[in-house]
Amino acid sequence: MTSAKSGKKLRVTLLKSPYGTGRVHMACVRGLGLRRRHHTVEVEDTAAVRGMIARVAYMLKCEEV
């Protein structure tokens, strides 16, 4: 929770399509705000977001901003 107060952000890019991966993985991708391949969003660096990224890390590129 302290990292959210410090204003850290993560830049997340969807590299692979989530279709065929299951509903839970598709929900994580949508929860991160990603809509299509090669779409990039900046999200707050929180434990919940890190958990979603860890679950679908095989189809994402993530970097700190």
PDB file of N, CA and C in Angstrom:
ATOM      1  N   MET A   1       0.815  -1.192   0.000  1.00  0.00           N
ATOM      2  CA  MET A   1       0.000   0.000   0.000  1.00  0.00           C
ATOM      3  C   MET A   1       0.861   1.259   0.000  1.00  0.00           C
ATOM      4  N   THR A   2       2.056   1.177   0.523  1.00  0.00           N
ATOM      5  CA  THR A   2       2.917   2.349   0.545  1.00  0.00           C
ATOM      6  C   THR A   2       3.397   2.720  -0.850  1.00  0.00           C
ATOM      7  N   SER A   3       3.524   1.723  -1.749  1.00  0.00           N
ATOM      8  CA  SER A   3       3.998   2.041  -3.096  1.00  0.00           C
ATOM      9  C   SER A   3       2.966   2.839  -3.875  1.00  0.00           C
ATOM     10  N   ALA A   4       1.672   2.675  -3.566  1.00  0.00           N
ATOM     11  CA  ALA A   4       0.646   3.454  -4.252  1.00  0.00           C
ATOM     12  C   ALA A   4       0.717   4.918  -3.838  1.00  0.00           C
ATOM     13  N   LYS A   5       1.078   5.181  -2.592  1.00  0.00           N
ATOM     14  CA  LYS A   5       1.181   6.550  -2.121  1.00  0.00           C
ATOM     15  C   LYS A   5       2.392   7.249  -2.712  1.00  0.00           C
ATOM     16  N   SER A   6       3.431   6.495  -3.029  1.00  0.00           N
ATOM     17  CA  SER A   6       4.633   7.111  -3.574  1.00  0.00           C
ATOM     18  C   SER A   6       4.467   7.488  -5.043  1.00  0.00           C
ATOM     19  N   GLY A   7       3.386   7.039  -5.671  1.00  0.00           N
ATOM     20  CA  GLY A   7       3.106   7.439  -7.040  1.00  0.00           C
ATOM     21  C   GLY A   7       3.801   6.618  -8.092  1.00  0.00           C
ATOM     22  N   LYS A   8       4.302   5.439  -7.755  1.00  0.00           N
ATOM     23  CA  LYS A   8       4.957   4.605  -8.752  1.00  0.00           C
ATOM     24  C   LYS A   8       3.934   4.064  -9.728  1.00  0.00           C
ATOM     25  N   LYS A   9       4.358   3.942 -10.966  1.00  0.00           N
ATOM     26  CA  LYS A   9       3.487   3.418 -12.013  1.00  0.00           C
ATOM     27  C   LYS A   9       4.217   2.341 -12.795  1.00  0.00           C
ATOM     28  N   LEU A  10       3.427   1.481 -13.399  1.00  0.00           N
ATOM     29  CA  LEU A  10       3.950   0.440 -14.272  1.00  0.00           C
ATOM     30  C   LEU A  10       3.354   0.623 -15.657  1.00  0.00           C
ATOM     31  N   ARG A  11       4.174   0.466 -16.684  1.00  0.00           N
ATOM     32  CA  ARG A  11       3.693   0.501 -18.063  1.00  0.00           C
ATOM     33  C   ARG A  11       3.544  -0.945 -18.518  1.00  0.00           C
ATOM     34  N   VAL A  12       2.324  -1.337 -18.870  1.00  0.00           N
ATOM     35  CA  VAL A  12       2.009  -2.719 -19.220  1.00  0.00           C
ATOM     36  C   VAL A  12       1.531  -2.753 -20.668  1.00  0.00           C
ATOM     37  N   THR A  13       2.092  -3.670 -21.450  1.00  0.00           N
ATOM     38  CA  THR A  13       1.715  -3.835 -22.857  1.00  0.00           C
ATOM     39  C   THR A  13       1.277  -5.272 -23.076  1.00  0.00           C
ATOM     40  N   LEU A  14       0.154  -5.441 -23.742  1.00  0.00           N
ATOM     41  CA  LEU A  14      -0.354  -6.773 -24.072  1.00  0.00           C
ATOM     42  C   LEU A  14       0.304  -7.231 -25.372  1.00  0.00           C
ATOM     43  N   LEU A  15       1.046  -8.330 -25.313  1.00  0.00           N
ATOM     44  CA  LEU A  15       1.769  -8.821 -26.486  1.00  0.00           C
ATOM     45  C   LEU A  15       1.050  -9.960 -27.196  1.00  0.00           C
ATOM     46  N   LYS A  16       0.324 -10.793 -26.439  1.00  0.00           N
ATOM     47  CA  LYS A  16      -0.378 -11.930 -27.021  1.00  0.00           C
ATOM     48  C   LYS A  16      -1.869 -11.775 -26.782  1.00  0.00           C
ATOM     49  N   SER A  17      -2.640 -12.392 -27.620  1.00  0.00           N
ATOM     50  CA  SER A  17      -4.092 -12.340 -27.475  1.00  0.00           C
ATOM     51  C   SER A  17      -4.538 -13.198 -26.292  1.00  0.00           C
ATOM     52  N   PRO A  18      -5.484 -12.702 -25.503  1.00  0.00           N
ATOM     53  CA  PRO A  18      -5.967 -13.485 -24.364  1.00  0.00           C
ATOM     54  C   PRO A  18      -7.000 -14.540 -24.740  1.00  0.00           C
ATOM     55  N   TYR A  19      -7.435 -14.573 -25.981  1.00  0.00           N
ATOM     56  CA  TYR A  19      -8.447 -15.554 -26.394  1.00  0.00           C
ATOM     57  C   TYR A  19      -7.884 -16.957 -26.299  1.00  0.00           C
ATOM     58  N   GLY A  20      -8.665 -17.847 -25.740  1.00  0.00           N
ATOM     59  CA  GLY A  20      -8.258 -19.224 -25.581  1.00  0.00           C
ATOM     60  C   GLY A  20      -7.483 -19.487 -24.301  1.00  0.00           C
ATOM     61  N   THR A  21      -7.373 -18.494 -23.433  1.00  0.00           N
ATOM     62  CA  THR A  21      -6.599 -18.663 -22.210  1.00  0.00           C
ATOM     63  C   THR A  21      -7.473 -18.954 -20.999  1.00  0.00           C
ATOM     64  N   GLY A  22      -8.755 -18.778 -21.107  1.00  0.00           N
ATOM     65  CA  GLY A  22      -9.649 -19.003 -19.974  1.00  0.00           C
ATOM     66  C   GLY A  22     -10.216 -17.698 -19.453  1.00  0.00           C
ATOM     67  N   ARG A  23     -11.329 -17.804 -18.747  1.00  0.00           N
ATOM     68  CA  ARG A  23     -12.027 -16.602 -18.285  1.00  0.00           C
ATOM     69  C   ARG A  23     -11.242 -15.829 -17.234  1.00  0.00           C
ATOM     70  N   VAL A  24     -10.523 -16.520 -16.366  1.00  0.00           N
ATOM     71  CA  VAL A  24      -9.782 -15.831 -15.307  1.00  0.00           C
ATOM     72  C   VAL A  24      -8.670 -14.980 -15.896  1.00  0.00           C
ATOM     73  N   HIS A  25      -7.953 -15.512 -16.867  1.00  0.00           N
ATOM     74  CA  HIS A  25      -6.866 -14.755 -17.489  1.00  0.00           C
ATOM     75  C   HIS A  25      -7.411 -13.591 -18.307  1.00  0.00           C
ATOM     76  N   MET A  26      -8.508 -13.814 -18.997  1.00  0.00           N
ATOM     77  CA  MET A  26      -9.118 -12.725 -19.761  1.00  0.00           C
ATOM     78  C   MET A  26      -9.599 -11.626 -18.812  1.00  0.00           C
ATOM     79  N   ALA A  27     -10.122 -12.002 -17.651  1.00  0.00           N
ATOM     80  CA  ALA A  27     -10.581 -11.014 -16.673  1.00  0.00           C
ATOM     81  C   ALA A  27      -9.410 -10.201 -16.129  1.00  0.00           C
ATOM     82  N   CYS A  28      -8.270 -10.822 -15.917  1.00  0.00           N
ATOM     83  CA  CYS A  28      -7.085 -10.098 -15.451  1.00  0.00           C
ATOM     84  C   CYS A  28      -6.620  -9.088 -16.492  1.00  0.00           C
ATOM     85  N   VAL A  29      -6.628  -9.480 -17.748  1.00  0.00           N
ATOM     86  CA  VAL A  29      -6.217  -8.574 -18.827  1.00  0.00           C
ATOM     87  C   VAL A  29      -7.162  -7.382 -18.890  1.00  0.00           C
ATOM     88  N   ARG A  30      -8.462  -7.641 -18.810  1.00  0.00           N
ATOM     89  CA  ARG A  30      -9.436  -6.555 -18.840  1.00  0.00           C
ATOM     90  C   ARG A  30      -9.330  -5.686 -17.587  1.00  0.00           C
ATOM     91  N   GLY A  31      -9.049  -6.315 -16.457  1.00  0.00           N
ATOM     92  CA  GLY A  31      -8.895  -5.571 -15.208  1.00  0.00           C
ATOM     93  C   GLY A  31      -7.715  -4.618 -15.231  1.00  0.00           C
ATOM     94  N   LEU A  32      -6.711  -4.955 -15.992  1.00  0.00           N
ATOM     95  CA  LEU A  32      -5.557  -4.070 -16.149  1.00  0.00           C
ATOM     96  C   LEU A  32      -5.849  -2.936 -17.131  1.00  0.00           C
ATOM     97  N   GLY A  33      -6.980  -3.009 -17.834  1.00  0.00           N
ATOM     98  CA  GLY A  33      -7.345  -1.960 -18.782  1.00  0.00           C
ATOM     99  C   GLY A  33      -6.848  -2.198 -20.187  1.00  0.00           C
ATOM    100  N   LEU A  34      -6.384  -3.407 -20.456  1.00  0.00           N
ATOM    101  CA  LEU A  34      -5.865  -3.735 -21.789  1.00  0.00           C
ATOM    102  C   LEU A  34      -6.995  -4.252 -22.660  1.00  0.00           C
ATOM    103  N   ARG A  35      -7.083  -3.760 -23.886  1.00  0.00           N
ATOM    104  CA  ARG A  35      -8.197  -4.101 -24.764  1.00  0.00           C
ATOM    105  C   ARG A  35      -7.799  -4.940 -25.971  1.00  0.00           C
ATOM    106  N   ARG A  36      -6.615  -4.708 -26.505  1.00  0.00           N
ATOM    107  CA  ARG A  36      -6.209  -5.415 -27.724  1.00  0.00           C
ATOM    108  C   ARG A  36      -4.696  -5.600 -27.712  1.00  0.00           C
ATOM    109  N   ARG A  37      -4.189  -6.390 -28.637  1.00  0.00           N
ATOM    110  CA  ARG A  37      -2.755  -6.628 -28.715  1.00  0.00           C
ATOM    111  C   ARG A  37      -2.014  -5.317 -28.961  1.00  0.00           C
ATOM    112  N   HIS A  38      -0.851  -5.194 -28.351  1.00  0.00           N
ATOM    113  CA  HIS A  38       0.031  -4.030 -28.470  1.00  0.00           C
ATOM    114  C   HIS A  38      -0.577  -2.758 -27.871  1.00  0.00           C
ATOM    115  N   HIS A  39      -1.610  -2.921 -27.041  1.00  0.00           N
ATOM    116  CA  HIS A  39      -2.192  -1.803 -26.313  1.00  0.00           C
ATOM    117  C   HIS A  39      -1.378  -1.608 -25.042  1.00  0.00           C
ATOM    118  N   THR A  40      -1.019  -0.372 -24.718  1.00  0.00           N
ATOM    119  CA  THR A  40      -0.201  -0.063 -23.557  1.00  0.00           C
ATOM    120  C   THR A  40      -0.979   0.838 -22.609  1.00  0.00           C
ATOM    121  N   VAL A  41      -0.912   0.516 -21.318  1.00  0.00           N
ATOM    122  CA  VAL A  41      -1.541   1.337 -20.290  1.00  0.00           C
ATOM    123  C   VAL A  41      -0.546   1.538 -19.149  1.00  0.00           C
ATOM    124  N   GLU A  42      -0.759   2.600 -18.384  1.00  0.00           N
ATOM    125  CA  GLU A  42       0.018   2.833 -17.171  1.00  0.00           C
ATOM    126  C   GLU A  42      -0.910   2.625 -15.991  1.00  0.00           C
ATOM    127  N   VAL A  43      -0.493   1.769 -15.061  1.00  0.00           N
ATOM    128  CA  VAL A  43      -1.306   1.434 -13.893  1.00  0.00           C
ATOM    129  C   VAL A  43      -0.501   1.710 -12.627  1.00  0.00           C
ATOM    130  N   GLU A  44      -1.212   1.917 -11.513  1.00  0.00           N
ATOM    131  CA  GLU A  44      -0.565   2.120 -10.219  1.00  0.00           C
ATOM    132  C   GLU A  44       0.154   0.840  -9.797  1.00  0.00           C
ATOM    133  N   ASP A  45       1.271   0.990  -9.122  1.00  0.00           N
ATOM    134  CA  ASP A  45       2.051  -0.149  -8.644  1.00  0.00           C
ATOM    135  C   ASP A  45       1.525  -0.574  -7.275  1.00  0.00           C
ATOM    136  N   THR A  46       0.520  -1.445  -7.268  1.00  0.00           N
ATOM    137  CA  THR A  46      -0.054  -1.959  -6.026  1.00  0.00           C
ATOM    138  C   THR A  46       0.080  -3.475  -6.008  1.00  0.00           C
ATOM    139  N   ALA A  47      -0.190  -4.052  -4.854  1.00  0.00           N
ATOM    140  CA  ALA A  47      -0.098  -5.505  -4.724  1.00  0.00           C
ATOM    141  C   ALA A  47      -1.136  -6.199  -5.596  1.00  0.00           C
ATOM    142  N   ALA A  48      -2.326  -5.641  -5.690  1.00  0.00           N
ATOM    143  CA  ALA A  48      -3.384  -6.244  -6.510  1.00  0.00           C
ATOM    144  C   ALA A  48      -3.004  -6.246  -7.986  1.00  0.00           C
ATOM    145  N   VAL A  49      -2.458  -5.150  -8.450  1.00  0.00           N
ATOM    146  CA  VAL A  49      -2.040  -5.055  -9.851  1.00  0.00           C
ATOM    147  C   VAL A  49      -0.878  -5.992 -10.114  1.00  0.00           C
ATOM    148  N   ARG A  50       0.074  -6.069  -9.188  1.00  0.00           N
ATOM    149  CA  ARG A  50       1.198  -6.995  -9.346  1.00  0.00           C
ATOM    150  C   ARG A  50       0.719  -8.437  -9.432  1.00  0.00           C
ATOM    151  N   GLY A  51      -0.316  -8.779  -8.663  1.00  0.00           N
ATOM    152  CA  GLY A  51      -0.883 -10.126  -8.715  1.00  0.00           C
ATOM    153  C   GLY A  51      -1.501 -10.431 -10.060  1.00  0.00           C
ATOM    154  N   MET A  52      -2.242  -9.461 -10.628  1.00  0.00           N
ATOM    155  CA  MET A  52      -2.838  -9.656 -11.954  1.00  0.00           C
ATOM    156  C   MET A  52      -1.756  -9.802 -13.012  1.00  0.00           C
ATOM    157  N   ILE A  53      -0.708  -8.997 -12.899  1.00  0.00           N
ATOM    158  CA  ILE A  53       0.395  -9.078 -13.861  1.00  0.00           C
ATOM    159  C   ILE A  53       1.103 -10.424 -13.757  1.00  0.00           C
ATOM    160  N   ALA A  54       1.296 -10.912 -12.542  1.00  0.00           N
ATOM    161  CA  ALA A  54       1.972 -12.196 -12.348  1.00  0.00           C
ATOM    162  C   ALA A  54       1.168 -13.342 -12.950  1.00  0.00           C
ATOM    163  N   ARG A  55      -0.161 -13.257 -12.882  1.00  0.00           N
ATOM    164  CA  ARG A  55      -1.005 -14.333 -13.394  1.00  0.00           C
ATOM    165  C   ARG A  55      -0.935 -14.434 -14.913  1.00  0.00           C
ATOM    166  N   VAL A  56      -0.821 -13.314 -15.601  1.00  0.00           N
ATOM    167  CA  VAL A  56      -0.813 -13.323 -17.070  1.00  0.00           C
ATOM    168  C   VAL A  56       0.506 -12.801 -17.628  1.00  0.00           C
ATOM    169  N   ALA A  57       1.594 -12.991 -16.891  1.00  0.00           N
ATOM    170  CA  ALA A  57       2.899 -12.449 -17.284  1.00  0.00           C
ATOM    171  C   ALA A  57       3.395 -13.001 -18.613  1.00  0.00           C
ATOM    172  N   TYR A  58       2.942 -14.187 -18.990  1.00  0.00           N
ATOM    173  CA  TYR A  58       3.416 -14.797 -20.230  1.00  0.00           C
ATOM    174  C   TYR A  58       2.903 -14.077 -21.477  1.00  0.00           C
ATOM    175  N   MET A  59       1.929 -13.188 -21.322  1.00  0.00           N
ATOM    176  CA  MET A  59       1.427 -12.458 -22.495  1.00  0.00           C
ATOM    177  C   MET A  59       1.592 -10.945 -22.358  1.00  0.00           C
ATOM    178  N   LEU A  60       2.378 -10.501 -21.368  1.00  0.00           N
ATOM    179  CA  LEU A  60       2.573  -9.075 -21.131  1.00  0.00           C
ATOM    180  C   LEU A  60       4.035  -8.672 -21.190  1.00  0.00           C
ATOM    181  N   LYS A  61       4.243  -7.389 -21.415  1.00  0.00           N
ATOM    182  CA  LYS A  61       5.554  -6.768 -21.203  1.00  0.00           C
ATOM    183  C   LYS A  61       5.321  -5.684 -20.167  1.00  0.00           C
ATOM    184  N   CYS A  62       6.117  -5.689 -19.105  1.00  0.00           N
ATOM    185  CA  CYS A  62       5.907  -4.763 -18.001  1.00  0.00           C
ATOM    186  C   CYS A  62       7.203  -4.035 -17.700  1.00  0.00           C
ATOM    187  N   GLU A  63       7.114  -2.710 -17.498  1.00  0.00           N
ATOM    188  CA  GLU A  63       8.288  -1.920 -17.143  1.00  0.00           C
ATOM    189  C   GLU A  63       7.873  -0.812 -16.182  1.00  0.00           C
ATOM    190  N   GLU A  64       8.786  -0.432 -15.298  1.00  0.00           N
ATOM    191  CA  GLU A  64       8.507   0.642 -14.357  1.00  0.00           C
ATOM    192  C   GLU A  64       8.672   1.994 -15.029  1.00  0.00           C
ATOM    193  N   VAL A  65       7.833   2.922 -14.614  1.00  0.00           N
ATOM    194  CA  VAL A  65       7.889   4.279 -15.193  1.00  0.00           C
ATOM    195  C   VAL A  65       8.419   5.230 -14.155  1.00  0.00           C
TER     196      VAL A  65
END
